[in-house]
Amino acid sequence: MWKFALIALLASLACKLVFGKWPWQFAQGKSTRAQALFKARKLLGVRENATRQEVLHAHKQLIAMVHPDKGGTSEQVHEANAARDLLINELPYPSHDKP
C-alpha cells in the first residue's frame, strides 16, 4: 500500500514539474469567463491576442452578414455586439504616459 502512495506522490510531483499543474487541476474545467472569451473569439473569428482594430473589423464583417436587412436576426446582432464588447473590454488600456 505504501508503494502505491509513493508512486502516486512521485507521479503528482512529476506532473507538477512538467506541466505546471497538479493532476487534479486538469479535471477542473475552464472558468466561465474563459469560456465566454473563447466563444466570443470563435464567433468573431479572431485569434486570442487580436488587436482592437482586428476585433472591430471582424465585428463589422459579421454584422454585415447577420443584419436583419440581410436576412439575419436581431438576436445574432446582439450576440455579435456582446462578443465585440467582451473582447474590447478584455484588451489592456493603452498607455498615454509614453512620450
PDB file of N, CA and C in Angstrom:
ATOM      1  N   MET A   1       0.823  -1.188   0.000  1.00  0.00           N
ATOM      2  CA  MET A   1       0.000   0.000   0.000  1.00  0.00           C
ATOM      3  C   MET A   1       0.867   1.252   0.000  1.00  0.00           C
ATOM      4  N   TRP A   2       1.923   1.267   0.773  1.00  0.00           N
ATOM      5  CA  TRP A   2       2.768   2.448   0.849  1.00  0.00           C
ATOM      6  C   TRP A   2       3.526   2.652  -0.456  1.00  0.00           C
ATOM      7  N   LYS A   3       3.780   1.562  -1.223  1.00  0.00           N
ATOM      8  CA  LYS A   3       4.436   1.691  -2.518  1.00  0.00           C
ATOM      9  C   LYS A   3       3.538   2.439  -3.501  1.00  0.00           C
ATOM     10  N   PHE A   4       2.239   2.123  -3.454  1.00  0.00           N
ATOM     11  CA  PHE A   4       1.284   2.811  -4.324  1.00  0.00           C
ATOM     12  C   PHE A   4       1.219   4.300  -3.987  1.00  0.00           C
ATOM     13  N   ALA A   5       1.211   4.613  -2.701  1.00  0.00           N
ATOM     14  CA  ALA A   5       1.165   6.011  -2.266  1.00  0.00           C
ATOM     15  C   ALA A   5       2.434   6.749  -2.708  1.00  0.00           C
ATOM     16  N   LEU A   6       3.558   6.096  -2.618  1.00  0.00           N
ATOM     17  CA  LEU A   6       4.818   6.708  -3.028  1.00  0.00           C
ATOM     18  C   LEU A   6       4.845   6.943  -4.545  1.00  0.00           C
ATOM     19  N   ILE A   7       4.365   5.982  -5.307  1.00  0.00           N
ATOM     20  CA  ILE A   7       4.307   6.130  -6.766  1.00  0.00           C
ATOM     21  C   ILE A   7       3.341   7.257  -7.145  1.00  0.00           C
ATOM     22  N   ALA A   8       2.200   7.346  -6.466  1.00  0.00           N
ATOM     23  CA  ALA A   8       1.230   8.402  -6.737  1.00  0.00           C
ATOM     24  C   ALA A   8       1.825   9.766  -6.407  1.00  0.00           C
ATOM     25  N   LEU A   9       2.554   9.859  -5.325  1.00  0.00           N
ATOM     26  CA  LEU A   9       3.203  11.110  -4.937  1.00  0.00           C
ATOM     27  C   LEU A   9       4.251  11.530  -5.964  1.00  0.00           C
ATOM     28  N   LEU A  10       5.071  10.586  -6.394  1.00  0.00           N
ATOM     29  CA  LEU A  10       6.097  10.891  -7.396  1.00  0.00           C
ATOM     30  C   LEU A  10       5.487  11.274  -8.745  1.00  0.00           C
ATOM     31  N   ALA A  11       4.418  10.593  -9.118  1.00  0.00           N
ATOM     32  CA  ALA A  11       3.732  10.925 -10.366  1.00  0.00           C
ATOM     33  C   ALA A  11       3.124  12.323 -10.290  1.00  0.00           C
ATOM     34  N   SER A  12       2.566  12.675  -9.137  1.00  0.00           N
ATOM     35  CA  SER A  12       1.997  14.013  -8.961  1.00  0.00           C
ATOM     36  C   SER A  12       3.072  15.086  -9.040  1.00  0.00           C
ATOM     37  N   LEU A  13       4.201  14.841  -8.401  1.00  0.00           N
ATOM     38  CA  LEU A  13       5.309  15.802  -8.454  1.00  0.00           C
ATOM     39  C   LEU A  13       5.852  15.953  -9.877  1.00  0.00           C
ATOM     40  N   ALA A  14       5.957  14.839 -10.582  1.00  0.00           N
ATOM     41  CA  ALA A  14       6.426  14.890 -11.965  1.00  0.00           C
ATOM     42  C   ALA A  14       5.461  15.680 -12.835  1.00  0.00           C
ATOM     43  N   CYS A  15       4.181  15.484 -12.630  1.00  0.00           N
ATOM     44  CA  CYS A  15       3.162  16.222 -13.383  1.00  0.00           C
ATOM     45  C   CYS A  15       3.278  17.715 -13.106  1.00  0.00           C
ATOM     46  N   LYS A  16       3.479  18.085 -11.858  1.00  0.00           N
ATOM     47  CA  LYS A  16       3.620  19.497 -11.478  1.00  0.00           C
ATOM     48  C   LYS A  16       4.861  20.102 -12.121  1.00  0.00           C
ATOM     49  N   LEU A  17       5.949  19.357 -12.143  1.00  0.00           N
ATOM     50  CA  LEU A  17       7.188  19.866 -12.734  1.00  0.00           C
ATOM     51  C   LEU A  17       7.095  19.991 -14.252  1.00  0.00           C
ATOM     52  N   VAL A  18       6.469  19.042 -14.904  1.00  0.00           N
ATOM     53  CA  VAL A  18       6.414  19.020 -16.359  1.00  0.00           C
ATOM     54  C   VAL A  18       5.356  19.977 -16.894  1.00  0.00           C
ATOM     55  N   PHE A  19       4.152  19.931 -16.342  1.00  0.00           N
ATOM     56  CA  PHE A  19       3.030  20.695 -16.880  1.00  0.00           C
ATOM     57  C   PHE A  19       2.707  21.959 -16.102  1.00  0.00           C
ATOM     58  N   GLY A  20       3.261  22.104 -14.908  1.00  0.00           N
ATOM     59  CA  GLY A  20       2.975  23.280 -14.100  1.00  0.00           C
ATOM     60  C   GLY A  20       1.651  23.208 -13.365  1.00  0.00           C
ATOM     61  N   LYS A  21       0.995  22.068 -13.403  1.00  0.00           N
ATOM     62  CA  LYS A  21      -0.276  21.876 -12.715  1.00  0.00           C
ATOM     63  C   LYS A  21      -0.252  20.553 -11.978  1.00  0.00           C
ATOM     64  N   TRP A  22      -1.004  20.505 -10.892  1.00  0.00           N
ATOM     65  CA  TRP A  22      -1.195  19.244 -10.207  1.00  0.00           C
ATOM     66  C   TRP A  22      -2.183  18.412 -11.013  1.00  0.00           C
ATOM     67  N   PRO A  23      -2.141  17.099 -10.901  1.00  0.00           N
ATOM     68  CA  PRO A  23      -3.027  16.244 -11.711  1.00  0.00           C
ATOM     69  C   PRO A  23      -4.516  16.563 -11.524  1.00  0.00           C
ATOM     70  N   TRP A  24      -4.937  16.902 -10.330  1.00  0.00           N
ATOM     71  CA  TRP A  24      -6.356  17.171 -10.088  1.00  0.00           C
ATOM     72  C   TRP A  24      -6.793  18.514 -10.675  1.00  0.00           C
ATOM     73  N   GLN A  25      -5.840  19.377 -11.032  1.00  0.00           N
ATOM     74  CA  GLN A  25      -6.201  20.646 -11.652  1.00  0.00           C
ATOM     75  C   GLN A  25      -6.624  20.464 -13.111  1.00  0.00           C
ATOM     76  N   PHE A  26      -6.243  19.370 -13.718  1.00  0.00           N
ATOM     77  CA  PHE A  26      -6.668  19.095 -15.091  1.00  0.00           C
ATOM     78  C   PHE A  26      -8.159  18.760 -15.153  1.00  0.00           C
ATOM     79  N   ALA A  27      -8.705  18.250 -14.070  1.00  0.00           N
ATOM     80  CA  ALA A  27     -10.120  17.887 -14.038  1.00  0.00           C
ATOM     81  C   ALA A  27     -11.016  19.125 -13.962  1.00  0.00           C
ATOM     82  N   GLN A  28     -10.459  20.230 -13.466  1.00  0.00           N
ATOM     83  CA  GLN A  28     -11.239  21.454 -13.390  1.00  0.00           C
ATOM     84  C   GLN A  28     -11.379  22.026 -14.792  1.00  0.00           C
ATOM     85  N   GLY A  29     -12.558  22.413 -15.145  1.00  0.00           N
ATOM     86  CA  GLY A  29     -12.794  22.986 -16.461  1.00  0.00           C
ATOM     87  C   GLY A  29     -12.329  24.434 -16.510  1.00  0.00           C
ATOM     88  N   LYS A  30     -12.506  25.028 -17.677  1.00  0.00           N
ATOM     89  CA  LYS A  30     -12.184  26.435 -17.815  1.00  0.00           C
ATOM     90  C   LYS A  30     -13.193  27.254 -17.019  1.00  0.00           C
ATOM     91  N   SER A  31     -12.769  28.439 -16.606  1.00  0.00           N
ATOM     92  CA  SER A  31     -13.690  29.320 -15.898  1.00  0.00           C
ATOM     93  C   SER A  31     -14.775  29.801 -16.861  1.00  0.00           C
ATOM     94  N   THR A  32     -15.842  30.299 -16.312  1.00  0.00           N
ATOM     95  CA  THR A  32     -16.941  30.790 -17.129  1.00  0.00           C
ATOM     96  C   THR A  32     -16.476  31.947 -18.007  1.00  0.00           C
ATOM     97  N   ARG A  33     -15.644  32.806 -17.461  1.00  0.00           N
ATOM     98  CA  ARG A  33     -15.122  33.949 -18.225  1.00  0.00           C
ATOM     99  C   ARG A  33     -14.268  33.454 -19.386  1.00  0.00           C
ATOM    100  N   ALA A  34     -13.412  32.483 -19.146  1.00  0.00           N
ATOM    101  CA  ALA A  34     -12.570  31.944 -20.215  1.00  0.00           C
ATOM    102  C   ALA A  34     -13.427  31.308 -21.306  1.00  0.00           C
ATOM    103  N   GLN A  35     -14.500  30.635 -20.911  1.00  0.00           N
ATOM    104  CA  GLN A  35     -15.402  30.041 -21.890  1.00  0.00           C
ATOM    105  C   GLN A  35     -16.103  31.117 -22.713  1.00  0.00           C
ATOM    106  N   ALA A  36     -16.515  32.201 -22.065  1.00  0.00           N
ATOM    107  CA  ALA A  36     -17.177  33.295 -22.777  1.00  0.00           C
ATOM    108  C   ALA A  36     -16.222  33.969 -23.754  1.00  0.00           C
ATOM    109  N   LEU A  37     -14.975  34.152 -23.347  1.00  0.00           N
ATOM    110  CA  LEU A  37     -13.979  34.750 -24.241  1.00  0.00           C
ATOM    111  C   LEU A  37     -13.713  33.838 -25.437  1.00  0.00           C
ATOM    112  N   PHE A  38     -13.620  32.546 -25.198  1.00  0.00           N
ATOM    113  CA  PHE A  38     -13.398  31.592 -26.286  1.00  0.00           C
ATOM    114  C   PHE A  38     -14.550  31.642 -27.281  1.00  0.00           C
ATOM    115  N   LYS A  39     -15.779  31.662 -26.757  1.00  0.00           N
ATOM    116  CA  LYS A  39     -16.957  31.706 -27.620  1.00  0.00           C
ATOM    117  C   LYS A  39     -16.996  33.008 -28.424  1.00  0.00           C
ATOM    118  N   ALA A  40     -16.642  34.122 -27.793  1.00  0.00           N
ATOM    119  CA  ALA A  40     -16.645  35.413 -28.483  1.00  0.00           C
ATOM    120  C   ALA A  40     -15.593  35.435 -29.596  1.00  0.00           C
ATOM    121  N   ARG A  41     -14.401  34.903 -29.304  1.00  0.00           N
ATOM    122  CA  ARG A  41     -13.342  34.849 -30.334  1.00  0.00           C
ATOM    123  C   ARG A  41     -13.773  33.962 -31.494  1.00  0.00           C
ATOM    124  N   LYS A  42     -14.408  32.856 -31.177  1.00  0.00           N
ATOM    125  CA  LYS A  42     -14.856  31.932 -32.215  1.00  0.00           C
ATOM    126  C   LYS A  42     -15.950  32.574 -33.071  1.00  0.00           C
ATOM    127  N   LEU A  43     -16.871  33.280 -32.442  1.00  0.00           N
ATOM    128  CA  LEU A  43     -17.957  33.925 -33.167  1.00  0.00           C
ATOM    129  C   LEU A  43     -17.423  34.989 -34.125  1.00  0.00           C
ATOM    130  N   LEU A  44     -16.479  35.792 -33.643  1.00  0.00           N
ATOM    131  CA  LEU A  44     -15.923  36.846 -34.491  1.00  0.00           C
ATOM    132  C   LEU A  44     -14.802  36.350 -35.395  1.00  0.00           C
ATOM    133  N   GLY A  45     -14.270  35.186 -35.093  1.00  0.00           N
ATOM    134  CA  GLY A  45     -13.206  34.621 -35.922  1.00  0.00           C
ATOM    135  C   GLY A  45     -11.884  35.329 -35.759  1.00  0.00           C
ATOM    136  N   VAL A  46     -11.554  35.724 -34.526  1.00  0.00           N
ATOM    137  CA  VAL A  46     -10.281  36.396 -34.272  1.00  0.00           C
ATOM    138  C   VAL A  46      -9.409  35.514 -33.394  1.00  0.00           C
ATOM    139  N   ARG A  47      -8.125  35.760 -33.450  1.00  0.00           N
ATOM    140  CA  ARG A  47      -7.175  34.988 -32.646  1.00  0.00           C
ATOM    141  C   ARG A  47      -7.175  35.492 -31.205  1.00  0.00           C
ATOM    142  N   GLU A  48      -6.484  34.774 -30.341  1.00  0.00           N
ATOM    143  CA  GLU A  48      -6.508  35.080 -28.913  1.00  0.00           C
ATOM    144  C   GLU A  48      -5.916  36.447 -28.590  1.00  0.00           C
ATOM    145  N   ASN A  49      -4.873  36.838 -29.281  1.00  0.00           N
ATOM    146  CA  ASN A  49      -4.232  38.121 -28.987  1.00  0.00           C
ATOM    147  C   ASN A  49      -4.563  39.166 -30.064  1.00  0.00           C
ATOM    148  N   ALA A  50      -5.806  39.183 -30.512  1.00  0.00           N
ATOM    149  CA  ALA A  50      -6.239  40.120 -31.550  1.00  0.00           C
ATOM    150  C   ALA A  50      -6.227  41.549 -31.012  1.00  0.00           C
ATOM    151  N   THR A  51      -5.926  42.481 -31.898  1.00  0.00           N
ATOM    152  CA  THR A  51      -5.907  43.889 -31.518  1.00  0.00           C
ATOM    153  C   THR A  51      -7.320  44.462 -31.569  1.00  0.00           C
ATOM    154  N   ARG A  52      -7.452  45.664 -31.075  1.00  0.00           N
ATOM    155  CA  ARG A  52      -8.748  46.353 -31.092  1.00  0.00           C
ATOM    156  C   ARG A  52      -9.254  46.509 -32.523  1.00  0.00           C
ATOM    157  N   GLN A  53      -8.353  46.873 -33.424  1.00  0.00           N
ATOM    158  CA  GLN A  53      -8.742  47.068 -34.820  1.00  0.00           C
ATOM    159  C   GLN A  53      -9.202  45.757 -35.449  1.00  0.00           C
ATOM    160  N   GLU A  54      -8.544  44.660 -35.132  1.00  0.00           N
ATOM    161  CA  GLU A  54      -8.938  43.358 -35.670  1.00  0.00           C
ATOM    162  C   GLU A  54     -10.313  42.944 -35.157  1.00  0.00           C
ATOM    163  N   VAL A  55     -10.572  43.198 -33.883  1.00  0.00           N
ATOM    164  CA  VAL A  55     -11.873  42.856 -33.305  1.00  0.00           C
ATOM    165  C   VAL A  55     -12.964  43.694 -33.965  1.00  0.00           C
ATOM    166  N   LEU A  56     -12.713  44.987 -34.107  1.00  0.00           N
ATOM    167  CA  LEU A  56     -13.708  45.868 -34.719  1.00  0.00           C
ATOM    168  C   LEU A  56     -13.957  45.511 -36.183  1.00  0.00           C
ATOM    169  N   HIS A  57     -12.900  45.154 -36.906  1.00  0.00           N
ATOM    170  CA  HIS A  57     -13.044  44.768 -38.312  1.00  0.00           C
ATOM    171  C   HIS A  57     -13.860  43.468 -38.433  1.00  0.00           C
ATOM    172  N   ALA A  58     -13.542  42.484 -37.585  1.00  0.00           N
ATOM    173  CA  ALA A  58     -14.275  41.213 -37.607  1.00  0.00           C
ATOM    174  C   ALA A  58     -15.739  41.442 -37.234  1.00  0.00           C
ATOM    175  N   HIS A  59     -15.985  42.317 -36.274  1.00  0.00           N
ATOM    176  CA  HIS A  59     -17.358  42.630 -35.870  1.00  0.00           C
ATOM    177  C   HIS A  59     -18.121  43.270 -37.030  1.00  0.00           C
ATOM    178  N   LYS A  60     -17.477  44.192 -37.706  1.00  0.00           N
ATOM    179  CA  LYS A  60     -18.120  44.876 -38.828  1.00  0.00           C
ATOM    180  C   LYS A  60     -18.486  43.874 -39.932  1.00  0.00           C
ATOM    181  N   GLN A  61     -17.589  42.938 -40.211  1.00  0.00           N
ATOM    182  CA  GLN A  61     -17.866  41.923 -41.229  1.00  0.00           C
ATOM    183  C   GLN A  61     -19.022  41.011 -40.807  1.00  0.00           C
ATOM    184  N   LEU A  62     -19.029  40.622 -39.538  1.00  0.00           N
ATOM    185  CA  LEU A  62     -20.086  39.742 -39.056  1.00  0.00           C
ATOM    186  C   LEU A  62     -21.440  40.457 -39.077  1.00  0.00           C
ATOM    187  N   ILE A  63     -21.472  41.708 -38.662  1.00  0.00           N
ATOM    188  CA  ILE A  63     -22.720  42.472 -38.664  1.00  0.00           C
ATOM    189  C   ILE A  63     -23.255  42.602 -40.087  1.00  0.00           C
ATOM    190  N   ALA A  64     -22.360  42.782 -41.049  1.00  0.00           N
ATOM    191  CA  ALA A  64     -22.797  42.886 -42.440  1.00  0.00           C
ATOM    192  C   ALA A  64     -23.497  41.603 -42.901  1.00  0.00           C
ATOM    193  N   MET A  65     -23.123  40.468 -42.338  1.00  0.00           N
ATOM    194  CA  MET A  65     -23.738  39.195 -42.730  1.00  0.00           C
ATOM    195  C   MET A  65     -25.021  38.887 -41.963  1.00  0.00           C
ATOM    196  N   VAL A  66     -25.080  39.266 -40.679  1.00  0.00           N
ATOM    197  CA  VAL A  66     -26.206  38.847 -39.846  1.00  0.00           C
ATOM    198  C   VAL A  66     -27.224  39.948 -39.592  1.00  0.00           C
ATOM    199  N   HIS A  67     -27.069  41.089 -40.206  1.00  0.00           N
ATOM    200  CA  HIS A  67     -28.004  42.189 -40.002  1.00  0.00           C
ATOM    201  C   HIS A  67     -29.398  41.774 -40.492  1.00  0.00           C
ATOM    202  N   PRO A  68     -30.447  42.194 -39.792  1.00  0.00           N
ATOM    203  CA  PRO A  68     -31.803  41.810 -40.202  1.00  0.00           C
ATOM    204  C   PRO A  68     -32.144  42.222 -41.641  1.00  0.00           C
ATOM    205  N   ASP A  69     -31.578  43.303 -42.129  1.00  0.00           N
ATOM    206  CA  ASP A  69     -31.817  43.705 -43.515  1.00  0.00           C
ATOM    207  C   ASP A  69     -31.176  42.739 -44.506  1.00  0.00           C
ATOM    208  N   LYS A  70     -30.217  41.950 -44.037  1.00  0.00           N
ATOM    209  CA  LYS A  70     -29.527  40.977 -44.893  1.00  0.00           C
ATOM    210  C   LYS A  70     -30.002  39.555 -44.643  1.00  0.00           C
ATOM    211  N   GLY A  71     -31.088  39.409 -43.908  1.00  0.00           N
ATOM    212  CA  GLY A  71     -31.627  38.073 -43.663  1.00  0.00           C
ATOM    213  C   GLY A  71     -31.285  37.496 -42.316  1.00  0.00           C
ATOM    214  N   GLY A  72     -30.544  38.235 -41.493  1.00  0.00           N
ATOM    215  CA  GLY A  72     -30.201  37.763 -40.160  1.00  0.00           C
ATOM    216  C   GLY A  72     -31.287  38.123 -39.162  1.00  0.00           C
ATOM    217  N   THR A  73     -30.964  37.956 -37.897  1.00  0.00           N
ATOM    218  CA  THR A  73     -31.918  38.284 -36.843  1.00  0.00           C
ATOM    219  C   THR A  73     -31.310  39.297 -35.890  1.00  0.00           C
ATOM    220  N   SER A  74     -32.164  39.955 -35.141  1.00  0.00           N
ATOM    221  CA  SER A  74     -31.661  40.925 -34.162  1.00  0.00           C
ATOM    222  C   SER A  74     -30.901  40.203 -33.041  1.00  0.00           C
ATOM    223  N   GLU A  75     -31.255  38.953 -32.778  1.00  0.00           N
ATOM    224  CA  GLU A  75     -30.526  38.184 -31.759  1.00  0.00           C
ATOM    225  C   GLU A  75     -29.076  37.954 -32.190  1.00  0.00           C
ATOM    226  N   GLN A  76     -28.859  37.675 -33.459  1.00  0.00           N
ATOM    227  CA  GLN A  76     -27.496  37.498 -33.963  1.00  0.00           C
ATOM    228  C   GLN A  76     -26.701  38.795 -33.845  1.00  0.00           C
ATOM    229  N   VAL A  77     -27.352  39.919 -34.090  1.00  0.00           N
ATOM    230  CA  VAL A  77     -26.689  41.218 -33.955  1.00  0.00           C
ATOM    231  C   VAL A  77     -26.316  41.455 -32.494  1.00  0.00           C
ATOM    232  N   HIS A  78     -27.227  41.123 -31.576  1.00  0.00           N
ATOM    233  CA  HIS A  78     -26.940  41.292 -30.152  1.00  0.00           C
ATOM    234  C   HIS A  78     -25.773  40.401 -29.719  1.00  0.00           C
ATOM    235  N   GLU A  79     -25.724  39.178 -30.219  1.00  0.00           N
ATOM    236  CA  GLU A  79     -24.602  38.284 -29.892  1.00  0.00           C
ATOM    237  C   GLU A  79     -23.289  38.843 -30.409  1.00  0.00           C
ATOM    238  N   ALA A  80     -23.301  39.357 -31.634  1.00  0.00           N
ATOM    239  CA  ALA A  80     -22.081  39.937 -32.212  1.00  0.00           C
ATOM    240  C   ALA A  80     -21.634  41.153 -31.412  1.00  0.00           C
ATOM    241  N   ASN A  81     -22.579  41.996 -31.009  1.00  0.00           N
ATOM    242  CA  ASN A  81     -22.241  43.177 -30.220  1.00  0.00           C
ATOM    243  C   ASN A  81     -21.694  42.792 -28.847  1.00  0.00           C
ATOM    244  N   ALA A  82     -22.287  41.775 -28.234  1.00  0.00           N
ATOM    245  CA  ALA A  82     -21.814  41.314 -26.928  1.00  0.00           C
ATOM    246  C   ALA A  82     -20.407  40.730 -27.038  1.00  0.00           C
ATOM    247  N   ALA A  83     -20.149  39.976 -28.105  1.00  0.00           N
ATOM    248  CA  ALA A  83     -18.812  39.404 -28.316  1.00  0.00           C
ATOM    249  C   ALA A  83     -17.787  40.519 -28.500  1.00  0.00           C
ATOM    250  N   ARG A  84     -18.136  41.518 -29.306  1.00  0.00           N
ATOM    251  CA  ARG A  84     -17.234  42.659 -29.515  1.00  0.00           C
ATOM    252  C   ARG A  84     -16.944  43.361 -28.201  1.00  0.00           C
ATOM    253  N   ASP A  85     -17.985  43.662 -27.435  1.00  0.00           N
ATOM    254  CA  ASP A  85     -17.812  44.377 -26.173  1.00  0.00           C
ATOM    255  C   ASP A  85     -16.949  43.587 -25.194  1.00  0.00           C
ATOM    256  N   LEU A  86     -17.184  42.290 -25.115  1.00  0.00           N
ATOM    257  CA  LEU A  86     -16.411  41.445 -24.206  1.00  0.00           C
ATOM    258  C   LEU A  86     -14.933  41.451 -24.580  1.00  0.00           C
ATOM    259  N   LEU A  87     -14.644  41.292 -25.864  1.00  0.00           N
ATOM    260  CA  LEU A  87     -13.243  41.248 -26.295  1.00  0.00           C
ATOM    261  C   LEU A  87     -12.568  42.608 -26.175  1.00  0.00           C
ATOM    262  N   ILE A  88     -13.285  43.668 -26.479  1.00  0.00           N
ATOM    263  CA  ILE A  88     -12.710  45.018 -26.342  1.00  0.00           C
ATOM    264  C   ILE A  88     -12.420  45.320 -24.882  1.00  0.00           C
ATOM    265  N   ASN A  89     -13.328  44.944 -23.994  1.00  0.00           N
ATOM    266  CA  ASN A  89     -13.118  45.189 -22.558  1.00  0.00           C
ATOM    267  C   ASN A  89     -11.974  44.367 -21.997  1.00  0.00           C
ATOM    268  N   GLU A  90     -11.644  43.275 -22.646  1.00  0.00           N
ATOM    269  CA  GLU A  90     -10.565  42.405 -22.175  1.00  0.00           C
ATOM    270  C   GLU A  90      -9.193  42.947 -22.571  1.00  0.00           C
ATOM    271  N   LEU A  91      -9.140  43.837 -23.548  1.00  0.00           N
ATOM    272  CA  LEU A  91      -7.871  44.399 -24.003  1.00  0.00           C
ATOM    273  C   LEU A  91      -7.308  45.343 -22.951  1.00  0.00           C
ATOM    274  N   PRO A  92      -5.978  45.407 -22.845  1.00  0.00           N
ATOM    275  CA  PRO A  92      -5.385  46.358 -21.894  1.00  0.00           C
ATOM    276  C   PRO A  92      -5.601  47.785 -22.390  1.00  0.00           C
ATOM    277  N   TYR A  93      -5.743  48.694 -21.437  1.00  0.00           N
ATOM    278  CA  TYR A  93      -5.898  50.097 -21.804  1.00  0.00           C
ATOM    279  C   TYR A  93      -4.597  50.620 -22.393  1.00  0.00           C
ATOM    280  N   PRO A  94      -4.668  51.451 -23.432  1.00  0.00           N
ATOM    281  CA  PRO A  94      -3.433  51.998 -24.000  1.00  0.00           C
ATOM    282  C   PRO A  94      -2.786  52.953 -23.007  1.00  0.00           C
ATOM    283  N   SER A  95      -1.480  52.926 -22.968  1.00  0.00           N
ATOM    284  CA  SER A  95      -0.737  53.782 -22.060  1.00  0.00           C
ATOM    285  C   SER A  95      -0.450  55.101 -22.753  1.00  0.00           C
ATOM    286  N   HIS A  96      -0.929  56.190 -22.162  1.00  0.00           N
ATOM    287  CA  HIS A  96      -0.714  57.517 -22.736  1.00  0.00           C
ATOM    288  C   HIS A  96       0.462  58.220 -22.071  1.00  0.00           C
ATOM    289  N   ASP A  97       1.158  57.503 -21.177  1.00  0.00           N
ATOM    290  CA  ASP A  97       2.281  58.096 -20.454  1.00  0.00           C
ATOM    291  C   ASP A  97       3.554  58.117 -21.266  1.00  0.00           C
ATOM    292  N   LYS A  98       3.584  57.353 -22.368  1.00  0.00           N
ATOM    293  CA  LYS A  98       4.804  57.274 -23.152  1.00  0.00           C
ATOM    294  C   LYS A  98       5.003  58.555 -23.947  1.00  0.00           C
ATOM    295  N   PRO A  99       6.236  59.069 -23.992  1.00  0.00           N
ATOM    296  CA  PRO A  99       6.493  60.309 -24.730  1.00  0.00           C
ATOM    297  C   PRO A  99       6.487  60.099 -26.229  1.00  0.00           C
TER     298      PRO A  99
END
